[in-house]
């Protein structure tokens, strides 16, 4: 997921003529992802790993849909920052299941 996101962010910023912004956009994703990942420790144990994986996968899907309508750098920042909230919880859960 992270590799695909990074490649897409780079391509999008290049298309906008703002290639130098790619790293900052990716950093915004990483910060939100880190906060959300750390927050998974606060989830109750009764919210099992399989349910967490389903929720995180659904969140990643739903939160990525606005990317289809994003045409500006500001929009990209907003959408991928929010989208970052689904990445770490998904990874933490998948590692837990593994």
Protein backbone atom coordinates (compact mmCIF):
# COMPACT_ATOMS: atom_id res chain seq x y z
CA UNK A 1 0.00 0.00 0.00
CA UNK A 2 2.71 2.46 0.95
CA UNK A 3 4.68 1.90 -2.25
CA UNK A 4 1.62 2.38 -4.43
CA UNK A 5 0.64 5.48 -2.49
CA UNK A 6 4.11 6.96 -2.81
CA UNK A 7 4.28 6.29 -6.55
CA UNK A 8 0.84 7.82 -7.07
CA UNK A 9 1.65 10.90 -5.00
CA UNK A 10 4.85 11.40 -6.98
CA UNK A 11 3.02 11.01 -10.30
CA UNK A 12 0.20 13.32 -9.22
CA UNK A 13 2.51 16.09 -8.03
CA UNK A 14 4.57 15.74 -11.21
CA UNK A 15 1.41 16.11 -13.31
CA UNK A 16 0.59 19.29 -11.39
CA UNK A 17 4.13 20.60 -11.92
CA UNK A 18 4.74 20.47 -8.15
CA UNK A 19 7.21 17.58 -7.94
CA UNK A 20 9.00 19.18 -4.99
CA UNK A 21 5.82 18.74 -2.90
CA UNK A 22 5.72 14.94 -3.18
CA UNK A 23 7.84 14.35 -0.10
CA UNK A 24 5.76 16.70 2.02
CA UNK A 25 2.52 15.11 0.89
CA UNK A 26 3.92 11.69 1.69
CA UNK A 27 5.05 12.95 5.09
CA UNK A 28 1.50 14.11 5.82
CA UNK A 29 0.29 10.59 5.10
CA UNK A 30 2.97 9.19 7.40
CA UNK A 31 2.15 11.48 10.31
CA UNK A 32 -1.56 10.68 10.21
CA UNK A 33 -0.78 7.00 9.78
CA UNK A 34 1.53 7.01 12.81
CA UNK A 35 -1.08 8.70 15.00
CA UNK A 36 -3.76 6.25 13.89
CA UNK A 37 -1.42 3.28 14.32
CA UNK A 38 -0.53 4.26 17.87
CA UNK A 39 -4.21 4.78 18.60
CA UNK A 40 -4.98 1.15 17.78
CA UNK A 41 -3.55 0.24 21.18
CA UNK A 42 -6.58 1.95 22.72
CA UNK A 43 -9.07 -0.27 20.91
CA UNK A 44 -10.82 -2.75 23.19
CA UNK A 45 -9.74 -6.38 22.94
CA UNK A 46 -13.32 -7.41 22.12
CA UNK A 47 -12.81 -5.66 18.75
CA UNK A 48 -10.92 -8.64 17.31
CA UNK A 49 -8.21 -8.67 14.70
CA UNK A 50 -10.42 -9.97 11.91
CA UNK A 51 -12.98 -7.23 12.50
CA UNK A 52 -10.18 -4.65 12.69
CA UNK A 53 -8.78 -5.86 9.37
CA UNK A 54 -12.18 -5.58 7.72
CA UNK A 55 -12.72 -2.11 9.16
CA UNK A 56 -9.26 -0.88 8.14
CA UNK A 57 -9.60 -2.33 4.64
CA UNK A 58 -13.03 -0.76 4.20
CA UNK A 59 -11.70 2.56 5.52
CA UNK A 60 -8.76 2.48 3.09
CA UNK A 61 -11.14 1.81 0.22
CA UNK A 62 -13.69 4.46 1.17
CA UNK A 63 -11.10 7.09 2.05
CA UNK A 64 -9.33 6.57 -1.27
CA UNK A 65 -12.46 7.26 -3.36
CA UNK A 66 -12.10 11.07 -3.14
CA UNK A 67 -8.78 10.71 -4.97
CA UNK A 68 -10.80 10.10 -8.12
CA UNK A 69 -12.10 13.68 -7.89
CA UNK A 70 -8.93 15.37 -6.64
CA UNK A 71 -7.35 17.78 -9.12
CA UNK A 72 -5.37 20.20 -6.94
CA UNK A 73 -2.39 20.01 -4.62
CA UNK A 74 -4.50 21.22 -1.69
CA UNK A 75 -7.07 18.53 -2.40
CA UNK A 76 -4.32 15.93 -2.56
CA UNK A 77 -2.95 17.03 0.81
CA UNK A 78 -6.40 16.83 2.39
CA UNK A 79 -7.40 13.49 0.92
CA UNK A 80 -4.18 11.59 1.51
CA UNK A 81 -3.74 12.98 5.02
CA UNK A 82 -7.13 11.56 5.96
CA UNK A 83 -6.40 8.39 3.98
CA UNK A 84 -3.25 7.92 6.06
CA UNK A 85 -5.48 7.11 9.03
CA UNK A 86 -6.27 3.73 7.48
CA UNK A 87 -2.72 2.58 6.69
CA UNK A 88 -1.09 1.88 10.04
CA UNK A 89 -4.15 0.30 11.65
CA UNK A 90 -4.30 -2.03 8.65
CA UNK A 91 -0.60 -2.90 8.90
CA UNK A 92 -0.70 -3.36 12.68
CA UNK A 93 -3.70 -5.66 12.34
CA UNK A 94 -2.22 -7.70 9.50
CA UNK A 95 1.00 -8.16 11.47
CA UNK A 96 -1.08 -9.25 14.46
CA UNK A 97 -2.93 -11.80 12.36
CA UNK A 98 0.30 -13.08 10.88
